[in-house]
Amino acid sequence: MIKRTVEIEDDLQDIVDGAKEEVLDSIKEYLKENPECTDLDDWYQDSGADALHEIADSNTPIYYSKIDGLTSLYSDKFDEAYENAGLGDGMERNHKQVAIYCYIEQEIREYSNDLTKEFELKDGEFIKKSA
């Protein structure tokens, strides 16, 4: 019997952190273009929902080696996010990739919700809300 060692690049947190940074950049760009904005819900209603989809999509791995590696490490998290999204029965040919997309989208949606709850806009700047 031959033993083999396989290395998996675990960069899921880097992927999510990069996507969160893109969300923040999207909000800042929106604020620059819409200086009259006083509520982050305006960003979400105007362009945020589409931005979250595009950001999650562009950060979802496309190569099977990356998809399989991350799935072997985080399949429970990915499957839970997939089920919560209610997208299908899990029998799709690209199920693993879709589940990763669902996880990334879930994480950045929670992040944008946290920004809305924890910060307010004052003179175009994010200010931590008083407790």
Protein backbone atom coordinates (compact mmCIF):
# COMPACT_ATOMS: atom_id res chain seq x y z
CA MET A 1 0.00 0.00 0.00
CA ILE A 2 1.26 3.46 -0.90
CA LYS A 3 0.67 6.37 1.44
CA ARG A 4 0.18 9.80 -0.10
CA THR A 5 0.18 13.18 1.52
CA VAL A 6 -1.99 15.88 0.02
CA GLU A 7 -1.65 19.57 0.79
CA ILE A 8 -4.70 21.78 0.59
CA GLU A 9 -4.41 25.54 0.46
CA ASP A 10 -6.84 26.78 3.09
CA ASP A 11 -7.51 30.33 1.98
CA LEU A 12 -11.24 30.51 2.67
CA GLN A 13 -10.84 33.27 5.24
CA ASP A 14 -8.68 35.25 2.82
CA ILE A 15 -11.38 34.89 0.17
CA VAL A 16 -14.10 36.06 2.57
CA ASP A 17 -11.98 38.93 3.88
CA GLY A 18 -11.26 40.09 0.33
CA ALA A 19 -14.96 39.95 -0.50
CA LYS A 20 -15.78 41.98 2.62
CA GLU A 21 -13.24 44.58 1.55
CA GLU A 22 -14.98 44.77 -1.82
CA VAL A 23 -18.33 45.32 -0.05
CA LEU A 24 -16.85 48.20 1.90
CA ASP A 25 -15.35 49.64 -1.31
CA SER A 26 -18.76 49.36 -2.99
CA ILE A 27 -20.40 51.27 -0.15
CA LYS A 28 -17.71 53.96 -0.20
CA GLU A 29 -18.05 54.36 -3.97
CA TYR A 30 -21.82 54.66 -3.60
CA LEU A 31 -21.40 57.32 -0.92
CA LYS A 32 -18.99 59.23 -3.13
CA GLU A 33 -21.51 59.18 -5.99
CA ASN A 34 -24.47 59.89 -3.66
CA PRO A 35 -23.29 62.38 -1.04
CA GLU A 36 -26.87 63.02 0.06
CA CYS A 37 -27.15 59.43 1.33
CA THR A 38 -27.86 59.25 5.06
CA ASP A 39 -28.71 55.58 5.46
CA LEU A 40 -26.85 52.45 4.35
CA ASP A 41 -30.21 50.90 3.48
CA ASP A 42 -30.21 53.32 0.52
CA TRP A 43 -27.03 51.65 -0.76
CA TYR A 44 -28.59 48.21 -0.40
CA GLN A 45 -31.81 49.21 -2.15
CA ASP A 46 -30.09 51.07 -4.98
CA SER A 47 -27.17 48.81 -5.79
CA GLY A 48 -26.10 46.77 -2.76
CA ALA A 49 -28.11 43.64 -3.50
CA ASP A 50 -26.60 43.38 -6.98
CA ALA A 51 -23.16 44.27 -5.64
CA LEU A 52 -23.31 41.47 -3.07
CA HIS A 53 -24.17 38.95 -5.79
CA GLU A 54 -21.40 40.19 -8.08
CA ILE A 55 -18.83 40.19 -5.27
CA ALA A 56 -19.75 36.68 -4.12
CA ASP A 57 -19.70 35.45 -7.71
CA SER A 58 -16.32 36.97 -8.54
CA ASN A 59 -14.75 35.53 -5.38
CA THR A 60 -16.08 32.00 -5.89
CA PRO A 61 -13.30 29.65 -7.05
CA ILE A 62 -13.55 28.30 -10.57
CA TYR A 63 -10.85 25.63 -10.58
CA TYR A 64 -11.78 22.13 -9.46
CA SER A 65 -8.64 21.70 -7.38
CA LYS A 66 -9.52 24.79 -5.30
CA ILE A 67 -13.21 23.86 -5.11
CA ASP A 68 -12.47 20.27 -4.06
CA GLY A 69 -9.84 21.35 -1.53
CA LEU A 70 -12.07 23.89 0.18
CA THR A 71 -15.03 21.52 0.09
CA SER A 72 -13.01 18.79 1.78
CA LEU A 73 -12.28 21.24 4.61
CA TYR A 74 -15.60 23.09 4.88
CA SER A 75 -18.32 20.96 3.31
CA ASP A 76 -20.59 21.24 6.37
CA LYS A 77 -20.47 25.07 6.30
CA PHE A 78 -20.97 25.17 2.55
CA ASP A 79 -23.85 22.71 2.60
CA GLU A 80 -25.58 24.63 5.39
CA ALA A 81 -25.26 27.90 3.45
CA TYR A 82 -26.56 26.14 0.32
CA GLU A 83 -29.57 24.76 2.17
CA ASN A 84 -30.29 28.15 3.75
CA ALA A 85 -30.24 29.76 0.30
CA GLY A 86 -32.86 27.29 -0.97
CA LEU A 87 -31.35 27.08 -4.45
CA GLY A 88 -31.84 23.45 -5.35
CA ASP A 89 -31.59 19.84 -4.36
CA GLY A 90 -27.81 19.54 -4.31
CA MET A 91 -27.72 17.32 -7.36
CA GLU A 92 -26.38 19.98 -9.71
CA ARG A 93 -23.17 19.16 -11.51
CA ASN A 94 -21.55 22.25 -10.02
CA HIS A 95 -23.08 21.82 -6.54
CA LYS A 96 -19.78 22.28 -4.70
CA GLN A 97 -19.08 25.56 -6.45
CA VAL A 98 -22.62 26.82 -5.88
CA ALA A 99 -22.38 25.90 -2.20
CA ILE A 100 -19.14 27.89 -1.89
CA TYR A 101 -20.85 30.85 -3.59
CA CYS A 102 -23.71 30.57 -1.08
CA TYR A 103 -21.27 30.59 1.82
CA ILE A 104 -19.39 33.65 0.55
CA GLU A 105 -22.65 35.47 -0.18
CA GLN A 106 -23.95 34.62 3.29
CA GLU A 107 -20.78 35.94 4.94
CA ILE A 108 -20.75 39.24 3.05
CA ARG A 109 -24.49 39.74 3.53
CA GLU A 110 -24.01 39.34 7.29
CA TYR A 111 -21.09 41.78 7.10
CA SER A 112 -23.16 44.39 5.27
CA ASN A 113 -25.99 43.91 7.79
CA ASP A 114 -23.52 44.39 10.65
CA LEU A 115 -22.28 47.61 9.07
CA THR A 116 -25.85 48.85 8.84
CA LYS A 117 -26.56 48.00 12.49
CA GLU A 118 -23.29 49.13 14.06
CA PHE A 119 -22.48 52.26 12.08
CA GLU A 120 -24.26 55.36 10.95
CA LEU A 121 -23.36 57.85 8.29
CA LYS A 122 -22.38 61.32 9.36
CA ASP A 123 -20.99 63.73 6.78
CA GLY A 124 -20.21 60.80 4.47
CA GLU A 125 -18.18 58.96 7.12
CA PHE A 126 -18.91 55.77 9.04
CA ILE A 127 -19.39 56.53 12.72
CA LYS A 128 -19.83 53.81 15.34
CA LYS A 129 -23.36 54.10 16.77
CA SER A 130 -23.63 54.98 20.42
CA ALA A 131 -24.67 52.11 22.66
